[in-house]
Protein backbone atom coordinates (compact mmCIF):
# COMPACT_ATOMS: atom_id res chain seq x y z
CA MET A 1 -106.80 -137.21 -190.18
CA LYS A 2 -103.85 -136.42 -191.17
CA LYS A 3 -100.27 -135.65 -189.15
CA GLN A 4 -99.86 -132.33 -190.37
CA ASN A 5 -103.53 -131.16 -189.32
CA TRP A 6 -102.81 -132.52 -186.12
CA THR A 7 -105.56 -130.80 -183.13
CA TRP A 8 -103.31 -130.90 -180.34
CA PRO A 9 -100.15 -128.34 -181.36
CA LEU A 10 -100.15 -126.90 -177.96
CA CYS A 11 -96.97 -127.28 -175.60
CA PHE A 12 -97.48 -126.12 -171.84
CA ALA A 13 -94.27 -125.42 -169.96
CA LEU A 14 -94.73 -124.43 -166.26
CA LEU A 15 -92.28 -123.15 -165.02
CA ALA A 16 -92.83 -122.31 -161.43
CA ALA A 17 -89.38 -120.10 -159.55
CA LEU A 18 -90.66 -121.15 -156.14
CA GLY A 19 -88.94 -119.14 -153.18
CA CYS A 20 -86.47 -117.78 -155.88
CA GLY A 21 -87.10 -113.88 -154.56
CA GLN A 22 -88.18 -111.81 -152.33
CA SER A 23 -91.88 -110.74 -151.39
CA GLU A 24 -90.31 -107.00 -150.48
CA PRO A 25 -87.56 -106.05 -152.20
CA PRO A 26 -84.44 -104.49 -149.42
CA ALA A 27 -84.59 -100.61 -148.78
CA ALA A 28 -82.58 -98.78 -151.18
CA ASP A 29 -79.91 -97.72 -148.28
CA SER A 30 -79.90 -101.58 -147.27
CA PRO A 31 -76.11 -102.19 -147.31
CA ALA A 32 -75.42 -105.52 -149.58
CA GLU A 33 -74.56 -108.45 -147.20
CA GLU A 34 -71.02 -109.62 -147.25
CA LEU A 35 -70.58 -113.15 -148.61
CA SER A 36 -68.24 -114.93 -146.15
CA GLU A 37 -64.69 -116.54 -147.62
CA VAL A 38 -66.38 -119.77 -148.40
CA ASP A 39 -69.50 -118.25 -149.88
CA GLN A 40 -67.16 -116.22 -152.03
CA ALA A 41 -65.15 -119.17 -153.18
CA ALA A 42 -68.14 -121.06 -154.21
CA GLU A 43 -69.62 -118.12 -156.44
CA GLU A 44 -66.29 -117.61 -158.10
CA THR A 45 -65.93 -121.47 -158.91
CA TRP A 46 -69.35 -121.54 -160.25
CA ALA A 47 -68.92 -119.30 -162.31
CA ILE A 48 -65.78 -120.40 -163.89
CA TRP A 49 -68.00 -123.99 -164.05
CA GLU A 50 -70.60 -122.80 -165.81
CA GLU A 51 -68.55 -121.12 -168.90
CA THR A 52 -66.77 -124.44 -169.53
CA GLU A 53 -68.34 -127.31 -171.43
CA ASP A 54 -65.02 -129.76 -170.33
CA PRO A 55 -65.85 -132.31 -167.54
CA GLU A 56 -62.23 -132.66 -166.97
CA VAL A 57 -62.18 -128.88 -165.87
CA LYS A 58 -65.64 -129.40 -163.94
CA VAL A 59 -64.09 -131.79 -161.80
CA GLY A 60 -60.70 -130.33 -161.22
CA LEU A 61 -62.85 -127.05 -160.07
CA ALA A 62 -65.07 -129.45 -157.63
CA GLN A 63 -61.76 -131.00 -156.22
CA ASP A 64 -60.10 -127.66 -155.73
CA PHE A 65 -62.88 -125.90 -153.78
CA LEU A 66 -63.50 -129.25 -151.67
CA ALA A 67 -59.98 -129.55 -150.88
CA ARG A 68 -59.97 -125.56 -149.56
CA TYR A 69 -63.20 -126.13 -147.98
CA PRO A 70 -64.50 -129.90 -147.41
CA ASP A 71 -67.19 -128.91 -144.80
CA SER A 72 -69.48 -126.06 -145.77
CA ASP A 73 -72.86 -125.64 -146.92
CA HIS A 74 -71.42 -126.16 -150.67
CA THR A 75 -69.88 -129.89 -150.05
CA GLY A 76 -73.10 -131.39 -151.71
CA ASP A 77 -73.54 -129.27 -154.65
CA PHE A 78 -70.03 -129.43 -155.23
CA LEU A 79 -69.25 -133.55 -154.54
CA SER A 80 -72.43 -134.51 -156.30
CA SER A 81 -71.51 -132.42 -159.77
CA ALA A 82 -68.06 -133.97 -159.60
CA VAL A 83 -69.73 -137.32 -159.17
CA TYR A 84 -71.92 -137.05 -161.67
CA HIS A 85 -69.46 -135.75 -164.53
CA TYR A 86 -66.72 -138.54 -163.12
CA THR A 87 -69.36 -141.78 -163.62
CA GLU A 88 -71.70 -140.23 -166.50
CA SER A 89 -68.68 -138.04 -168.83
CA LEU A 90 -65.42 -139.74 -168.17
CA ASP A 91 -66.26 -143.32 -166.81
CA ARG A 92 -63.80 -143.23 -163.86
CA PRO A 93 -65.55 -144.28 -160.83
CA ASP A 94 -62.51 -144.91 -158.83
CA ASP A 95 -61.66 -141.40 -159.04
CA ALA A 96 -65.33 -140.69 -157.77
CA TYR A 97 -65.05 -143.02 -154.79
CA GLU A 98 -61.79 -141.37 -153.94
CA LEU A 99 -63.17 -137.84 -153.49
CA VAL A 100 -65.95 -138.66 -151.95
CA THR A 101 -64.10 -140.62 -149.42
CA GLU A 102 -61.65 -138.13 -148.71
CA THR A 103 -64.29 -135.15 -148.38
CA LEU A 104 -66.04 -137.24 -146.11
CA ASN A 105 -63.21 -138.18 -143.49
CA GLN A 106 -62.88 -134.66 -143.18
CA VAL A 107 -66.59 -133.47 -142.94
CA GLU A 108 -68.20 -132.98 -139.43
CA ASP A 109 -71.30 -130.87 -139.91
CA PRO A 110 -74.19 -133.19 -139.84
CA ASP A 111 -76.10 -132.00 -142.93
CA ALA A 112 -72.82 -132.15 -145.01
CA ARG A 113 -72.27 -135.75 -143.68
CA LEU A 114 -75.43 -137.06 -144.59
CA GLU A 115 -74.96 -135.50 -148.56
CA THR A 116 -71.81 -136.73 -148.51
CA GLN A 117 -72.53 -140.05 -147.49
CA MET A 118 -75.68 -139.86 -150.04
CA GLN A 119 -73.24 -139.30 -152.99
CA LEU A 120 -71.40 -142.37 -151.63
CA ALA A 121 -74.58 -144.46 -151.65
CA VAL A 122 -74.88 -142.87 -155.48
CA LEU A 123 -71.55 -144.56 -156.43
CA HIS A 124 -72.83 -147.97 -155.03
CA SER A 125 -75.71 -147.95 -156.91
CA LYS A 126 -74.27 -146.84 -160.24
CA THR A 127 -71.21 -149.45 -159.60
CA GLY A 128 -73.68 -152.19 -158.68
CA ARG A 129 -71.98 -152.37 -154.97
CA LEU A 130 -75.76 -153.44 -153.47
CA GLU A 131 -74.21 -155.15 -149.99
CA GLU A 132 -72.33 -151.71 -149.34
CA LEU A 133 -75.30 -149.63 -150.56
CA SER A 134 -77.32 -151.64 -147.96
CA GLU A 135 -74.89 -151.32 -145.28
CA LEU A 136 -74.36 -147.62 -145.81
CA ALA A 137 -78.00 -147.00 -145.86
CA SER A 138 -78.03 -148.75 -142.64
CA SER A 139 -75.42 -146.84 -141.33
CA MET A 140 -76.86 -143.06 -142.24
CA ALA A 141 -80.53 -143.97 -140.99
CA GLU A 142 -78.36 -145.12 -137.33
CA GLU A 143 -76.69 -141.71 -137.49
CA HIS A 144 -78.97 -139.35 -139.09
CA ASP A 145 -82.61 -138.10 -138.53
CA PHE A 146 -84.04 -139.20 -141.75
CA GLN A 147 -86.49 -137.10 -143.45
CA PHE A 148 -88.87 -138.23 -146.02
CA THR A 149 -86.93 -137.36 -149.17
CA ASP A 150 -83.84 -139.19 -147.59
CA HIS A 151 -86.29 -142.29 -147.84
CA LEU A 152 -86.94 -141.45 -151.21
CA GLU A 153 -83.65 -141.14 -152.47
CA LEU A 154 -82.39 -144.21 -151.15
CA MET A 155 -85.44 -145.70 -152.58
CA GLU A 156 -84.38 -144.30 -155.96
CA LEU A 157 -80.91 -145.50 -155.82
CA ALA A 158 -81.96 -149.16 -154.53
CA THR A 159 -84.17 -149.16 -157.35
CA GLU A 160 -81.69 -148.18 -159.77
CA ALA A 161 -79.36 -150.80 -158.53
CA GLY A 162 -81.83 -153.42 -158.28
CA ALA A 163 -81.26 -153.66 -154.22
CA TRP A 164 -85.09 -154.62 -154.31
CA ASN A 165 -85.48 -155.74 -150.73
CA LEU A 166 -83.76 -152.29 -149.98
CA ALA A 167 -86.13 -150.33 -152.06
CA ILE A 168 -89.03 -152.07 -150.08
CA GLU A 169 -87.21 -151.61 -146.48
CA HIS A 170 -87.36 -147.70 -147.18
CA ALA A 171 -90.74 -147.37 -148.94
CA GLU A 172 -92.53 -148.87 -145.68
CA THR A 173 -90.47 -146.45 -143.15
CA GLY A 174 -91.59 -143.80 -145.76
CA LEU A 175 -94.75 -144.57 -145.36
CA ALA A 176 -94.50 -143.13 -141.95
CA PHE A 177 -93.94 -139.61 -143.32
CA ALA A 178 -96.97 -140.39 -145.63
CA THR A 179 -99.16 -137.75 -143.60
CA PRO A 180 -100.23 -134.06 -143.75
CA GLU A 181 -99.41 -134.27 -140.42
CA ALA A 182 -95.83 -135.18 -140.79
CA PHE A 183 -95.30 -133.18 -143.72
CA LYS A 184 -96.14 -129.95 -141.58
CA ALA A 185 -93.73 -130.95 -139.07
CA GLN A 186 -91.22 -130.61 -141.40
CA TRP A 187 -93.00 -127.79 -143.17
CA PRO A 188 -94.74 -125.96 -141.24
CA ASP A 189 -95.52 -122.73 -143.12
CA TYR A 190 -97.29 -124.73 -145.40
CA ASP A 191 -101.36 -124.59 -145.53
CA ASP A 192 -103.68 -127.82 -144.49
CA GLU A 193 -104.69 -128.21 -147.81
CA TYR A 194 -101.12 -128.45 -149.35
CA ALA A 195 -100.08 -130.35 -146.75
CA ALA A 196 -102.82 -132.87 -147.59
CA ARG A 197 -101.67 -133.48 -151.24
CA ALA A 198 -98.08 -133.84 -150.29
CA GLY A 199 -98.91 -136.33 -147.95
CA ARG A 200 -100.85 -138.08 -150.40
CA ARG A 201 -97.99 -137.94 -153.24
CA ARG A 202 -95.38 -139.29 -150.83
CA THR A 203 -98.00 -142.39 -150.57
CA ALA A 204 -98.36 -142.55 -153.83
CA TYR A 205 -93.96 -142.91 -154.62
CA CYS A 206 -93.77 -145.13 -151.38
CA GLU A 207 -96.28 -148.02 -153.12
CA ALA A 208 -94.86 -147.20 -156.51
CA TYR A 209 -91.61 -147.95 -155.50
CA GLN A 210 -92.34 -150.80 -152.96
CA GLY A 211 -94.78 -152.58 -155.87
CA TRP A 212 -91.70 -152.44 -158.54
CA ALA A 213 -89.71 -154.05 -155.98
CA GLU A 214 -92.08 -156.71 -155.21
CA ALA A 215 -92.43 -157.08 -158.69
CA ASN A 216 -88.88 -157.61 -159.88
CA LEU A 217 -89.07 -160.34 -156.41
CA GLY A 218 -91.87 -161.84 -158.20
CA GLN A 219 -94.21 -161.12 -156.12
CA PHE A 220 -96.96 -159.99 -158.29
CA ASP A 221 -100.24 -159.80 -155.94
CA ALA A 222 -98.20 -157.91 -153.69
CA ALA A 223 -97.58 -155.53 -156.04
CA LEU A 224 -100.49 -155.09 -157.69
CA ALA A 225 -102.09 -154.40 -154.29
CA SER A 226 -99.16 -151.57 -153.60
CA PHE A 227 -100.18 -150.01 -156.88
CA THR A 228 -103.97 -150.00 -155.90
CA ASN A 229 -103.03 -148.71 -152.79
CA GLY A 230 -101.24 -145.48 -154.18
CA VAL A 231 -103.17 -144.80 -157.22
CA GLU A 232 -105.81 -142.83 -155.57
CA ALA A 233 -103.18 -141.10 -154.01
CA THR A 234 -101.07 -139.79 -157.06
CA SER A 235 -101.37 -136.58 -158.88
CA TYR A 236 -101.11 -135.56 -162.07
CA SER A 237 -99.90 -132.95 -164.74
CA LEU A 238 -102.27 -130.75 -166.52
CA LEU A 239 -102.16 -133.31 -168.98
CA GLY A 240 -103.06 -136.18 -167.42
CA VAL A 241 -99.16 -137.58 -166.76
CA ASP A 242 -98.83 -139.51 -163.30
CA GLU A 243 -96.17 -136.80 -161.33
CA THR A 244 -94.91 -140.36 -159.76
CA PRO A 245 -93.81 -143.27 -161.16
CA LEU A 246 -96.43 -145.61 -159.99
CA HIS A 247 -98.02 -145.99 -163.57
CA LEU A 248 -94.74 -146.54 -165.23
CA TYR A 249 -93.97 -149.47 -162.66
CA TRP A 250 -97.47 -150.90 -162.65
CA GLY A 251 -97.56 -151.02 -166.60
CA GLN A 252 -94.21 -152.46 -166.68
CA THR A 253 -95.48 -155.03 -164.06
CA LEU A 254 -98.21 -156.03 -166.23
CA THR A 255 -95.84 -156.75 -168.88
CA LEU A 256 -93.62 -158.91 -166.91
CA MET A 257 -97.03 -160.86 -165.48
CA GLY A 258 -97.59 -161.84 -169.50
CA GLU A 259 -100.64 -158.80 -169.63
CA PRO A 260 -98.88 -156.42 -172.19
CA GLU A 261 -102.35 -155.07 -173.33
CA ASP A 262 -103.46 -154.18 -169.91
CA ALA A 263 -100.07 -152.59 -169.75
CA MET A 264 -100.26 -150.53 -172.73
CA ASP A 265 -103.72 -149.61 -171.14
CA ARG A 266 -101.97 -148.18 -168.03
CA LEU A 267 -98.85 -146.52 -170.12
CA SER A 268 -101.16 -144.70 -172.53
CA VAL A 269 -101.17 -141.22 -171.43
CA GLU A 270 -98.03 -141.62 -169.89
CA ALA A 271 -96.16 -142.93 -173.19
CA LEU A 272 -97.68 -140.08 -174.99
CA PHE A 273 -97.13 -137.11 -172.68
CA GLY A 274 -94.42 -138.60 -170.10
CA SER A 275 -91.16 -139.60 -170.15
CA LYS A 276 -89.06 -141.94 -172.28
CA GLU A 277 -89.15 -144.40 -169.92
CA ALA A 278 -92.73 -145.03 -170.24
CA LYS A 279 -92.38 -144.46 -174.22
CA GLN A 280 -89.99 -147.29 -174.01
CA ALA A 281 -92.30 -149.59 -171.66
CA TYR A 282 -95.06 -148.94 -173.68
CA ALA A 283 -93.00 -150.45 -176.63
CA GLU A 284 -92.16 -153.04 -174.87
CA ALA A 285 -95.62 -153.93 -173.91
CA TRP A 286 -96.16 -153.89 -177.85
CA VAL A 287 -93.97 -155.96 -179.01
CA ALA A 288 -94.77 -158.72 -176.11
CA ALA A 289 -98.68 -158.31 -177.46
CA HIS A 290 -97.63 -158.16 -181.21
CA GLY A 291 -94.18 -159.73 -181.60
CA THR A 292 -93.05 -156.56 -183.53
CA LYS A 293 -92.72 -152.91 -183.41
CA GLU A 294 -94.88 -152.94 -187.15
CA GLY A 295 -97.54 -150.63 -186.24
CA LEU A 296 -96.51 -149.22 -182.87
CA GLU A 297 -96.13 -145.55 -184.19
CA GLU A 298 -99.90 -145.68 -185.82
CA ARG A 299 -100.97 -146.73 -182.55
CA LEU A 300 -99.23 -144.21 -180.95
CA TRP A 301 -100.89 -141.59 -183.49
CA ALA A 302 -103.97 -142.83 -182.85
CA LEU A 303 -104.28 -142.49 -179.11
CA ARG A 304 -102.93 -139.02 -179.05
CA GLN A 305 -105.97 -138.01 -181.45
CA GLN A 306 -107.86 -139.71 -178.44
CA HIS A 307 -106.24 -137.69 -176.05
CA ALA A 308 -106.05 -134.57 -177.48
CA LYS A 309 -108.19 -131.64 -176.10
CA PRO A 310 -109.19 -128.43 -177.81
CA LEU A 311 -107.52 -125.57 -176.08
CA PRO A 312 -109.52 -123.37 -174.09
CA GLN A 313 -109.87 -119.65 -175.00
CA PHE A 314 -108.81 -117.14 -173.65
CA ALA A 315 -107.20 -113.27 -173.78
CA LEU A 316 -104.29 -112.22 -171.62
CA PRO A 317 -102.21 -109.17 -172.39
CA ASN A 318 -98.64 -109.57 -173.38
CA TYR A 319 -95.67 -106.93 -172.27
CA GLU A 320 -96.49 -104.20 -174.67
CA GLY A 321 -99.83 -103.94 -173.28
CA GLU A 322 -101.52 -105.95 -176.19
CA THR A 323 -104.69 -108.38 -175.43
CA PHE A 324 -103.24 -112.12 -176.81
CA GLU A 325 -106.72 -113.56 -178.33
CA SER A 326 -106.01 -117.66 -178.63
CA THR A 327 -108.73 -117.55 -181.17
CA GLU A 328 -106.50 -115.64 -183.58
CA HIS A 329 -103.64 -118.52 -183.02
CA ILE A 330 -105.70 -121.75 -183.85
CA GLY A 331 -103.61 -124.08 -185.93
CA ASP A 332 -100.30 -122.46 -184.26
CA VAL A 333 -97.88 -123.74 -182.20
CA LEU A 334 -97.90 -122.06 -178.57
CA LEU A 335 -95.57 -122.17 -175.92
CA ILE A 336 -97.23 -120.67 -172.70
CA ALA A 337 -94.72 -120.39 -169.57
CA ALA A 338 -96.63 -119.56 -166.01
CA TRP A 339 -94.36 -117.69 -164.25
CA ASN A 340 -94.50 -117.39 -160.65
CA PRO A 341 -91.65 -114.49 -159.76
CA THR A 342 -92.05 -114.94 -155.78
């Protein structure tokens, strides 16, 4: 089959706007809720932020807001945005450290302190300050009542920095939160079925990060055991892509173990429909197996044909009230967006 006649032309964009609206609109005669001074200032600052692409202007806006309101519900958002541009756009981590430290010295609200400390952890991770990252993580755990998302963020930061023992520590601790009961303790409004899925997904995240850390410490048997423990718990997208990094790290581990063919089997769907990291990991396994990238794209194309699925037939009304028939668009590229306005 020629590439231009590829039978998998469908792109799915599942855009769920969860919790972004109200189930009941306010009564027509209800007065609009007045914004507080800090909320008004945040709204005005973000409006200016959206109008510029200049990172210098963006960090200046964040600095100005944080100088006026260092301890608010908006502290974490402005600080994380400033840290991102200081480190990624401007290559000025020292300025980011100064801003985070100054803010932390003025923050008393527990949630704002945790967000600020997490940005300090981000900086330690990006700059490779592993000892400082470990010390900060320990002090944060002592100061705050950690939730699963806090452990997960530290797993990610530790992994990015190569702080493998720290990643294992928070993966092991995070497993205590990987139950339906723990999820519902934090989010009681969700039903039991959703809580069960969420608990399993938490398990997969923990086993993925723990397994990859163990692999990088040379503990391959332990790593494979971790991945195996998590594989039944992980969740998948419509195209079969793992929604956690478990298969990515499993495939990379197999390459480290000298088993590139098994790595490619583990990574095949991820490389086709997942992240750039997964495709890069597949390419590395291919080179490890064949000594060259020659033949890689042909192999990926063959895999696309192998994993391609026919588009289910459907008929749906459009905004004009006309019926959209999928059978009338065979061979076309379709973008289907599923919206959840509530």
